[in-house]
Amino acid sequence: MKTANRFQEGDRLLPIEIAKTELEAKLGVGWSRKSIKRKIDQGCPFAWKQGIHYIQIGNKLASVNVDAILRELV
């Protein structure tokens, strides 16, 4: 059973600025706040799910689940 698109115990929800450095270290450049919002809007490179991959408060992107993103992409 594929569990990439589920919140799992131990997943880290990190603020964008902290998550950006971790994601860029593992996946390369292209993980700024603006590019993450664009990826969510376009649904690439996977189907982003609010509450699993990211937390949004109002229109502002608050944090992302680094571990869920890495499970989807690696």
PDB file of N, CA and C in Angstrom:
ATOM      1  N   MET A   1       0.841  -1.182   0.000  1.00  0.00           N
ATOM      2  CA  MET A   1       0.000   0.000   0.000  1.00  0.00           C
ATOM      3  C   MET A   1       0.884   1.242   0.000  1.00  0.00           C
ATOM      4  N   LYS A   2       0.620   2.148  -0.922  1.00  0.00           N
ATOM      5  CA  LYS A   2       1.408   3.364  -1.015  1.00  0.00           C
ATOM      6  C   LYS A   2       0.942   4.355   0.045  1.00  0.00           C
ATOM      7  N   THR A   3       1.875   4.844   0.857  1.00  0.00           N
ATOM      8  CA  THR A   3       1.522   5.782   1.918  1.00  0.00           C
ATOM      9  C   THR A   3       2.163   7.145   1.703  1.00  0.00           C
ATOM     10  N   ALA A   4       2.552   7.445   0.490  1.00  0.00           N
ATOM     11  CA  ALA A   4       3.210   8.721   0.216  1.00  0.00           C
ATOM     12  C   ALA A   4       2.280   9.894   0.465  1.00  0.00           C
ATOM     13  N   ASN A   5       0.994   9.719   0.230  1.00  0.00           N
ATOM     14  CA  ASN A   5       0.074  10.846   0.348  1.00  0.00           C
ATOM     15  C   ASN A   5      -0.702  10.845   1.665  1.00  0.00           C
ATOM     16  N   ARG A   6      -0.085  10.369   2.724  1.00  0.00           N
ATOM     17  CA  ARG A   6      -0.700  10.391   4.045  1.00  0.00           C
ATOM     18  C   ARG A   6       0.252  11.039   5.033  1.00  0.00           C
ATOM     19  N   PHE A   7      -0.319  11.680   6.029  1.00  0.00           N
ATOM     20  CA  PHE A   7       0.491  12.218   7.115  1.00  0.00           C
ATOM     21  C   PHE A   7       0.901  11.055   7.994  1.00  0.00           C
ATOM     22  N   GLN A   8       2.182  10.931   8.260  1.00  0.00           N
ATOM     23  CA  GLN A   8       2.676   9.829   9.070  1.00  0.00           C
ATOM     24  C   GLN A   8       3.297  10.364  10.349  1.00  0.00           C
ATOM     25  N   GLU A   9       3.296   9.537  11.377  1.00  0.00           N
ATOM     26  CA  GLU A   9       3.911   9.922  12.635  1.00  0.00           C
ATOM     27  C   GLU A   9       5.383  10.235  12.396  1.00  0.00           C
ATOM     28  N   GLY A  10       5.834  11.337  12.922  1.00  0.00           N
ATOM     29  CA  GLY A  10       7.219  11.744  12.758  1.00  0.00           C
ATOM     30  C   GLY A  10       7.448  12.702  11.602  1.00  0.00           C
ATOM     31  N   ASP A  11       6.426  12.967  10.797  1.00  0.00           N
ATOM     32  CA  ASP A  11       6.560  13.939   9.709  1.00  0.00           C
ATOM     33  C   ASP A  11       6.813  15.325  10.288  1.00  0.00           C
ATOM     34  N   ARG A  12       7.628  16.091   9.579  1.00  0.00           N
ATOM     35  CA  ARG A  12       8.001  17.421  10.050  1.00  0.00           C
ATOM     36  C   ARG A  12       7.286  18.496   9.234  1.00  0.00           C
ATOM     37  N   LEU A  13       6.431  19.264   9.898  1.00  0.00           N
ATOM     38  CA  LEU A  13       5.814  20.444   9.296  1.00  0.00           C
ATOM     39  C   LEU A  13       6.716  21.622   9.644  1.00  0.00           C
ATOM     40  N   LEU A  14       7.396  22.148   8.645  1.00  0.00           N
ATOM     41  CA  LEU A  14       8.362  23.213   8.880  1.00  0.00           C
ATOM     42  C   LEU A  14       7.930  24.499   8.204  1.00  0.00           C
ATOM     43  N   PRO A  15       8.267  25.648   8.817  1.00  0.00           N
ATOM     44  CA  PRO A  15       8.029  26.925   8.136  1.00  0.00           C
ATOM     45  C   PRO A  15       8.766  26.946   6.802  1.00  0.00           C
ATOM     46  N   ILE A  16       8.260  27.727   5.862  1.00  0.00           N
ATOM     47  CA  ILE A  16       8.785  27.734   4.497  1.00  0.00           C
ATOM     48  C   ILE A  16      10.282  27.997   4.444  1.00  0.00           C
ATOM     49  N   GLU A  17      10.767  28.975   5.187  1.00  0.00           N
ATOM     50  CA  GLU A  17      12.187  29.341   5.099  1.00  0.00           C
ATOM     51  C   GLU A  17      13.095  28.203   5.565  1.00  0.00           C
ATOM     52  N   ILE A  18      12.683  27.467   6.569  1.00  0.00           N
ATOM     53  CA  ILE A  18      13.480  26.332   7.045  1.00  0.00           C
ATOM     54  C   ILE A  18      13.338  25.153   6.087  1.00  0.00           C
ATOM     55  N   ALA A  19      12.118  24.908   5.629  1.00  0.00           N
ATOM     56  CA  ALA A  19      11.874  23.807   4.693  1.00  0.00           C
ATOM     57  C   ALA A  19      12.610  24.033   3.380  1.00  0.00           C
ATOM     58  N   LYS A  20      12.700  25.291   2.956  1.00  0.00           N
ATOM     59  CA  LYS A  20      13.379  25.625   1.703  1.00  0.00           C
ATOM     60  C   LYS A  20      14.821  25.129   1.715  1.00  0.00           C
ATOM     61  N   THR A  21      15.544  25.377   2.796  1.00  0.00           N
ATOM     62  CA  THR A  21      16.946  24.958   2.849  1.00  0.00           C
ATOM     63  C   THR A  21      17.073  23.439   2.837  1.00  0.00           C
ATOM     64  N   GLU A  22      16.181  22.766   3.541  1.00  0.00           N
ATOM     65  CA  GLU A  22      16.239  21.300   3.576  1.00  0.00           C
ATOM     66  C   GLU A  22      15.876  20.684   2.226  1.00  0.00           C
ATOM     67  N   LEU A  23      14.820  21.193   1.589  1.00  0.00           N
ATOM     68  CA  LEU A  23      14.410  20.662   0.289  1.00  0.00           C
ATOM     69  C   LEU A  23      15.454  20.960  -0.784  1.00  0.00           C
ATOM     70  N   GLU A  24      16.040  22.156  -0.754  1.00  0.00           N
ATOM     71  CA  GLU A  24      17.066  22.486  -1.743  1.00  0.00           C
ATOM     72  C   GLU A  24      18.316  21.640  -1.549  1.00  0.00           C
ATOM     73  N   ALA A  25      18.624  21.267  -0.318  1.00  0.00           N
ATOM     74  CA  ALA A  25      19.788  20.420  -0.068  1.00  0.00           C
ATOM     75  C   ALA A  25      19.586  19.023  -0.655  1.00  0.00           C
ATOM     76  N   LYS A  26      18.356  18.527  -0.633  1.00  0.00           N
ATOM     77  CA  LYS A  26      18.094  17.167  -1.113  1.00  0.00           C
ATOM     78  C   LYS A  26      17.616  17.102  -2.553  1.00  0.00           C
ATOM     79  N   LEU A  27      16.913  18.163  -3.022  1.00  0.00           N
ATOM     80  CA  LEU A  27      16.295  18.111  -4.346  1.00  0.00           C
ATOM     81  C   LEU A  27      16.839  19.143  -5.326  1.00  0.00           C
ATOM     82  N   GLY A  28      17.687  20.037  -4.871  1.00  0.00           N
ATOM     83  CA  GLY A  28      18.203  21.089  -5.746  1.00  0.00           C
ATOM     84  C   GLY A  28      17.396  22.363  -5.601  1.00  0.00           C
ATOM     85  N   VAL A  29      17.743  23.370  -6.386  1.00  0.00           N
ATOM     86  CA  VAL A  29      17.098  24.681  -6.267  1.00  0.00           C
ATOM     87  C   VAL A  29      15.663  24.644  -6.777  1.00  0.00           C
ATOM     88  N   GLY A  30      14.897  25.669  -6.406  1.00  0.00           N
ATOM     89  CA  GLY A  30      13.522  25.775  -6.886  1.00  0.00           C
ATOM     90  C   GLY A  30      12.482  25.545  -5.814  1.00  0.00           C
ATOM     91  N   TRP A  31      12.813  25.789  -4.550  1.00  0.00           N
ATOM     92  CA  TRP A  31      11.868  25.535  -3.468  1.00  0.00           C
ATOM     93  C   TRP A  31      11.622  26.770  -2.611  1.00  0.00           C
ATOM     94  N   SER A  32      11.577  27.941  -3.242  1.00  0.00           N
ATOM     95  CA  SER A  32      11.247  29.171  -2.520  1.00  0.00           C
ATOM     96  C   SER A  32       9.743  29.206  -2.260  1.00  0.00           C
ATOM     97  N   ARG A  33       9.308  30.149  -1.437  1.00  0.00           N
ATOM     98  CA  ARG A  33       7.877  30.295  -1.138  1.00  0.00           C
ATOM     99  C   ARG A  33       7.074  30.479  -2.423  1.00  0.00           C
ATOM    100  N   LYS A  34       7.575  31.329  -3.307  1.00  0.00           N
ATOM    101  CA  LYS A  34       6.869  31.619  -4.560  1.00  0.00           C
ATOM    102  C   LYS A  34       6.784  30.377  -5.450  1.00  0.00           C
ATOM    103  N   SER A  35       7.866  29.628  -5.552  1.00  0.00           N
ATOM    104  CA  SER A  35       7.847  28.447  -6.420  1.00  0.00           C
ATOM    105  C   SER A  35       7.000  27.322  -5.820  1.00  0.00           C
ATOM    106  N   ILE A  36       6.975  27.205  -4.503  1.00  0.00           N
ATOM    107  CA  ILE A  36       6.125  26.191  -3.868  1.00  0.00           C
ATOM    108  C   ILE A  36       4.655  26.526  -4.115  1.00  0.00           C
ATOM    109  N   LYS A  37       4.286  27.806  -3.962  1.00  0.00           N
ATOM    110  CA  LYS A  37       2.894  28.206  -4.234  1.00  0.00           C
ATOM    111  C   LYS A  37       2.524  27.923  -5.682  1.00  0.00           C
ATOM    112  N   ARG A  38       3.440  28.169  -6.608  1.00  0.00           N
ATOM    113  CA  ARG A  38       3.180  27.906  -8.023  1.00  0.00           C
ATOM    114  C   ARG A  38       3.005  26.406  -8.257  1.00  0.00           C
ATOM    115  N   LYS A  39       3.836  25.585  -7.613  1.00  0.00           N
ATOM    116  CA  LYS A  39       3.725  24.131  -7.764  1.00  0.00           C
ATOM    117  C   LYS A  39       2.395  23.626  -7.207  1.00  0.00           C
ATOM    118  N   ILE A  40       1.943  24.202  -6.095  1.00  0.00           N
ATOM    119  CA  ILE A  40       0.656  23.813  -5.523  1.00  0.00           C
ATOM    120  C   ILE A  40      -0.470  24.182  -6.477  1.00  0.00           C
ATOM    121  N   ASP A  41      -0.438  25.404  -7.009  1.00  0.00           N
ATOM    122  CA  ASP A  41      -1.488  25.867  -7.927  1.00  0.00           C
ATOM    123  C   ASP A  41      -1.543  25.035  -9.201  1.00  0.00           C
ATOM    124  N   GLN A  42      -0.378  24.643  -9.716  1.00  0.00           N
ATOM    125  CA  GLN A  42      -0.314  23.884 -10.968  1.00  0.00           C
ATOM    126  C   GLN A  42      -0.451  22.379 -10.752  1.00  0.00           C
ATOM    127  N   GLY A  43      -0.319  21.930  -9.501  1.00  0.00           N
ATOM    128  CA  GLY A  43      -0.440  20.501  -9.217  1.00  0.00           C
ATOM    129  C   GLY A  43       0.740  19.688  -9.699  1.00  0.00           C
ATOM    130  N   CYS A  44       1.896  20.292  -9.728  1.00  0.00           N
ATOM    131  CA  CYS A  44       3.064  19.543 -10.180  1.00  0.00           C
ATOM    132  C   CYS A  44       4.129  19.564  -9.095  1.00  0.00           C
ATOM    133  N   PRO A  45       5.012  18.672  -8.995  1.00  0.00           N
ATOM    134  CA  PRO A  45       5.145  17.460  -9.798  1.00  0.00           C
ATOM    135  C   PRO A  45       4.271  16.316  -9.291  1.00  0.00           C
ATOM    136  N   PHE A  46       3.375  16.604  -8.340  1.00  0.00           N
ATOM    137  CA  PHE A  46       2.418  15.618  -7.838  1.00  0.00           C
ATOM    138  C   PHE A  46       1.184  16.374  -7.364  1.00  0.00           C
ATOM    139  N   ALA A  47       0.144  15.668  -6.976  1.00  0.00           N
ATOM    140  CA  ALA A  47      -1.086  16.311  -6.498  1.00  0.00           C
ATOM    141  C   ALA A  47      -0.901  16.722  -5.036  1.00  0.00           C
ATOM    142  N   TRP A  48      -0.750  18.007  -4.803  1.00  0.00           N
ATOM    143  CA  TRP A  48      -0.561  18.545  -3.457  1.00  0.00           C
ATOM    144  C   TRP A  48      -1.886  18.499  -2.705  1.00  0.00           C
ATOM    145  N   LYS A  49      -1.861  18.050  -1.456  1.00  0.00           N
ATOM    146  CA  LYS A  49      -3.071  17.990  -0.639  1.00  0.00           C
ATOM    147  C   LYS A  49      -2.875  18.843   0.610  1.00  0.00           C
ATOM    148  N   GLN A  50      -3.810  19.784   0.804  1.00  0.00           N
ATOM    149  CA  GLN A  50      -3.736  20.631   1.983  1.00  0.00           C
ATOM    150  C   GLN A  50      -3.943  19.782   3.225  1.00  0.00           C
ATOM    151  N   GLY A  51      -3.139  20.010   4.238  1.00  0.00           N
ATOM    152  CA  GLY A  51      -3.200  19.233   5.469  1.00  0.00           C
ATOM    153  C   GLY A  51      -2.238  18.065   5.468  1.00  0.00           C
ATOM    154  N   ILE A  52      -1.823  17.629   4.292  1.00  0.00           N
ATOM    155  CA  ILE A  52      -0.835  16.557   4.189  1.00  0.00           C
ATOM    156  C   ILE A  52       0.501  17.127   3.741  1.00  0.00           C
ATOM    157  N   HIS A  53       0.499  17.847   2.629  1.00  0.00           N
ATOM    158  CA  HIS A  53       1.737  18.388   2.081  1.00  0.00           C
ATOM    159  C   HIS A  53       2.012  19.821   2.513  1.00  0.00           C
ATOM    160  N   TYR A  54       0.969  20.576   2.822  1.00  0.00           N
ATOM    161  CA  TYR A  54       1.158  21.971   3.215  1.00  0.00           C
ATOM    162  C   TYR A  54       0.023  22.441   4.114  1.00  0.00           C
ATOM    163  N   ILE A  55       0.305  23.499   4.875  1.00  0.00           N
ATOM    164  CA  ILE A  55      -0.681  24.144   5.728  1.00  0.00           C
ATOM    165  C   ILE A  55      -0.804  25.584   5.255  1.00  0.00           C
ATOM    166  N   GLN A  56      -2.029  25.997   5.004  1.00  0.00           N
ATOM    167  CA  GLN A  56      -2.284  27.353   4.537  1.00  0.00           C
ATOM    168  C   GLN A  56      -3.215  28.037   5.521  1.00  0.00           C
ATOM    169  N   ILE A  57      -2.861  29.264   5.921  1.00  0.00           N
ATOM    170  CA  ILE A  57      -3.697  30.059   6.812  1.00  0.00           C
ATOM    171  C   ILE A  57      -4.156  31.269   6.017  1.00  0.00           C
ATOM    172  N   GLY A  58      -5.436  31.319   5.720  1.00  0.00           N
ATOM    173  CA  GLY A  58      -5.946  32.362   4.830  1.00  0.00           C
ATOM    174  C   GLY A  58      -5.370  32.133   3.445  1.00  0.00           C
ATOM    175  N   ASN A  59      -4.778  33.158   2.877  1.00  0.00           N
ATOM    176  CA  ASN A  59      -4.109  33.021   1.579  1.00  0.00           C
ATOM    177  C   ASN A  59      -2.619  32.802   1.725  1.00  0.00           C
ATOM    178  N   LYS A  60      -2.129  32.769   2.957  1.00  0.00           N
ATOM    179  CA  LYS A  60      -0.694  32.677   3.196  1.00  0.00           C
ATOM    180  C   LYS A  60      -0.274  31.229   3.440  1.00  0.00           C
ATOM    181  N   LEU A  61       0.742  30.811   2.726  1.00  0.00           N
ATOM    182  CA  LEU A  61       1.315  29.482   2.906  1.00  0.00           C
ATOM    183  C   LEU A  61       2.135  29.494   4.187  1.00  0.00           C
ATOM    184  N   ALA A  62       1.753  28.710   5.174  1.00  0.00           N
ATOM    185  CA  ALA A  62       2.383  28.758   6.487  1.00  0.00           C
ATOM    186  C   ALA A  62       3.536  27.772   6.620  1.00  0.00           C
ATOM    187  N   SER A  63       3.310  26.520   6.232  1.00  0.00           N
ATOM    188  CA  SER A  63       4.356  25.511   6.390  1.00  0.00           C
ATOM    189  C   SER A  63       4.130  24.367   5.411  1.00  0.00           C
ATOM    190  N   VAL A  64       5.177  23.570   5.247  1.00  0.00           N
ATOM    191  CA  VAL A  64       5.084  22.399   4.383  1.00  0.00           C
ATOM    192  C   VAL A  64       5.593  21.177   5.133  1.00  0.00           C
ATOM    193  N   ASN A  65       5.095  20.023   4.733  1.00  0.00           N
ATOM    194  CA  ASN A  65       5.508  18.756   5.312  1.00  0.00           C
ATOM    195  C   ASN A  65       6.671  18.224   4.475  1.00  0.00           C
ATOM    196  N   VAL A  66       7.868  18.463   4.960  1.00  0.00           N
ATOM    197  CA  VAL A  66       9.082  18.107   4.224  1.00  0.00           C
ATOM    198  C   VAL A  66       9.140  16.611   3.947  1.00  0.00           C
ATOM    199  N   ASP A  67       8.805  15.805   4.924  1.00  0.00           N
ATOM    200  CA  ASP A  67       8.911  14.353   4.761  1.00  0.00           C
ATOM    201  C   ASP A  67       7.910  13.813   3.742  1.00  0.00           C
ATOM    202  N   ALA A  68       6.686  14.351   3.721  1.00  0.00           N
ATOM    203  CA  ALA A  68       5.691  13.907   2.735  1.00  0.00           C
ATOM    204  C   ALA A  68       6.118  14.298   1.324  1.00  0.00           C
ATOM    205  N   ILE A  69       6.693  15.483   1.172  1.00  0.00           N
ATOM    206  CA  ILE A  69       7.175  15.918  -0.143  1.00  0.00           C
ATOM    207  C   ILE A  69       8.304  15.011  -0.613  1.00  0.00           C
ATOM    208  N   LEU A  70       9.222  14.702   0.275  1.00  0.00           N
ATOM    209  CA  LEU A  70      10.335  13.817  -0.102  1.00  0.00           C
ATOM    210  C   LEU A  70       9.836  12.417  -0.447  1.00  0.00           C
ATOM    211  N   ARG A  71       8.812  11.914   0.265  1.00  0.00           N
ATOM    212  CA  ARG A  71       8.255  10.599  -0.075  1.00  0.00           C
ATOM    213  C   ARG A  71       7.655  10.609  -1.473  1.00  0.00           C
ATOM    214  N   GLU A  72       7.026  11.718  -1.853  1.00  0.00           N
ATOM    215  CA  GLU A  72       6.423  11.810  -3.188  1.00  0.00           C
ATOM    216  C   GLU A  72       7.478  11.857  -4.287  1.00  0.00           C
ATOM    217  N   LEU A  73       8.594  12.510  -4.019  1.00  0.00           N
ATOM    218  CA  LEU A  73       9.566  12.778  -5.078  1.00  0.00           C
ATOM    219  C   LEU A  73      10.754  11.827  -5.118  1.00  0.00           C
ATOM    220  N   VAL A  74      11.036  11.157  -4.025  1.00  0.00           N
ATOM    221  CA  VAL A  74      12.229  10.289  -4.001  1.00  0.00           C
ATOM    222  C   VAL A  74      11.831   8.839  -4.058  1.00  0.00           C
TER     223      VAL A  74
END
